[in-house]
Amino acid sequence: MADTNSTNKPTNGTVPRPYNEQLTVRALVIGAIGSVIIAASSMYVALRLGALPWPTVFVALLSMAALRALGNTNLNEINVTHTAMSAGAMIAGGFAFTIPAIWILQPDTPISFPPLILVALAGTILGLVLTALIRRHFIETAALPYPVGTAAYETVQVGDEGGGKAAILFGSMGISAVFVAARDLIAAVPAAITSARLAAKNIFVGFWLAPIALGIGYIIDVVYTGVWFAGSIFAYVILVPVGLSIGLFPDLAAAEAFRSSLGIGLMVGTGVGVLVKGILPRMKAIFAGVVSDLSESGNRRLAISLPVGGAVVGFLLSFLAGIPALPAVLLLVGVVVATVMAADLTGQTGINPMEIMGIIVLLGVRLVVPSLGQTEAILIAAVVAVSCGLTGDVLNDFKAGYLFHTSPRAQITAETVGGIIGALVSVGTFAVLLTRYGSFGGELPAPQAHAVAALAAGIPNITSFVIGGAVGLIVYLLGWPGMTLGLGVYLPMMISAPVFLGGLIRLVVRKFKPAWDEKGVVAASGFLGGEGVTGVIIAIIQVSRGLF
């Protein structure tokens, strides 16, 4: 049922500007520069944290500040600019959550740019096409809330004539940057607080000292962070230590295999629930009206050439990247279903588990082609994750654009520019970080990619995975956030704890100082951007030292 809340309909009285005042040269230039920065920082955040919050509010404020500094701007131009900026973020996320699995399974694999670039571009092209195809259904017909996009709209719409929001944004970015430099560059601050005494009892708890973790928790709120943390408590305080003490597991390795498989199963089961309950019964409605949407200008050839051309390009890029022909065809079918799932989940909850969508398609292709190699399976997951990441992210921008009366065509153009740039930057940043850290684990854990590696190499514990899948499906059908529950079971508690604290902080703010909540979202966005950008700069500095 469509939400009839006023934030789902453009009833704010905003008068749209002419097309040439929405899609401007400076909007594309600023958006392209922003896409470089956001994609690079997002790659670092995704590999370091294993989760990536939406950049939408952050880039909306950044676009507003940049364009206002140049003068004579408007809300539509700001919206188009931040559409271009944010496009690279979730491309980086989809790439970071999957591709490291190749090096997790085969650490000595040399970096080869052509297949990595082709995979990133394949996912990007498919995501761009699918955004155009499904935008009308999810934004206008179903009118899903897209909470992050609505928040970006409200942030820009309300604005702050005195520049207070910009001061909060850049102030929190500065604080975050200084803290991260002290932690990672000069080691003046520890990376995490852990307990050796509890670890000796197989209770692996801790607290990661990271501004980005607090920012994530604040943005996604206490309900989801609470479920996330509950999963972590169950896994690390109950399941592993109690299971070892009563002889349920013969050793710690077996306990960890059970825990990780359970977490993966929970997330995959939730994804299946989204497909069965939310997508398959509505597939006809989702794609109904696509022809009229694409041919509004009278150019019906575009309505046919766009999806057909996108599918051909996606197939060719995937095939040239090293995915065999039959799996590449199956990939096209899977990416459509997975991207629609991601769009639906993002619209309802603000969460887009893109790597889980990649895993679901990977498993589906494996059922048809059991001989599929590990590397090829990972490449399939990467294409799907990039497409899901891009589509889910940009639909947040389209939600804000719908409320601002921004031209969808202008936004799609900006998305294309920012997306292609983001894909190329993501590959380059990935190479820099892999060269700097040498492997995935320790300082660069890439936990989501371990899930992909586990399924590409075979599920560590089939029984646990099946149990998790069944529970995840049931939890979703009951209306609970099974995806974040699985995330808590899978990720280390030292990541979950500060995320939960961020959610608690927002709960306290809403209860005692509700007027501060909007400022808190701005500050949280600054924490994310500050640590992400600083982390990439530090990595580049350290790599440069090693090379020269």
Foldseek 3Di string as FASTA:
>chain_A
DADPPPLLAQPPPFDDDPQCQQQDPVLLVLLQVLLLLQLLLLLQCCLQQVDGAFLQLVQLVVLVVVVVVVNDHDNNNSLLSSLLNRLLNLLLNLCLLFVQLVCVVVVPDDDDPQLLLLLSVLLLLLLLLLLLQQLCCLRPVNSQQLVLLSLNLVDNVVDDVVCPLVCLQQVLLVVLQVVLCCCPVVNVDDQWAWDPVVVVLQQTAIAGPALLLLLLLQVLFQQLLVLLLVLQCCQRVPQQNVCVVVVVDPDNVRSLLLLQLLLLLLQLLLLVLLLVPPDPVCVCVSRPPSQCSQCVVVPSVRSVCSVVVSLVSSLVSLVVSPADNVLSVLLSVLLSSLLVSQQVCSSHRVDGPLLSSLLNSLVVSCVVVVVDALSNSSSSSSSSSSSNSSSSNSSSSVSSCSNNVHDPVSSSVSSSSSSSSSSVSSSVSVVLLCLLVSHAPDSRPSQSNVSSSCVSVDRSDPVSSNVSSVVSSVCVVVPGPSNSSSNSSRDNNNSSVSSSVSNVVNVVCCVPPVVCSSSSSSSSSSSSSSSSSSVSVSSNVSSVVVVD
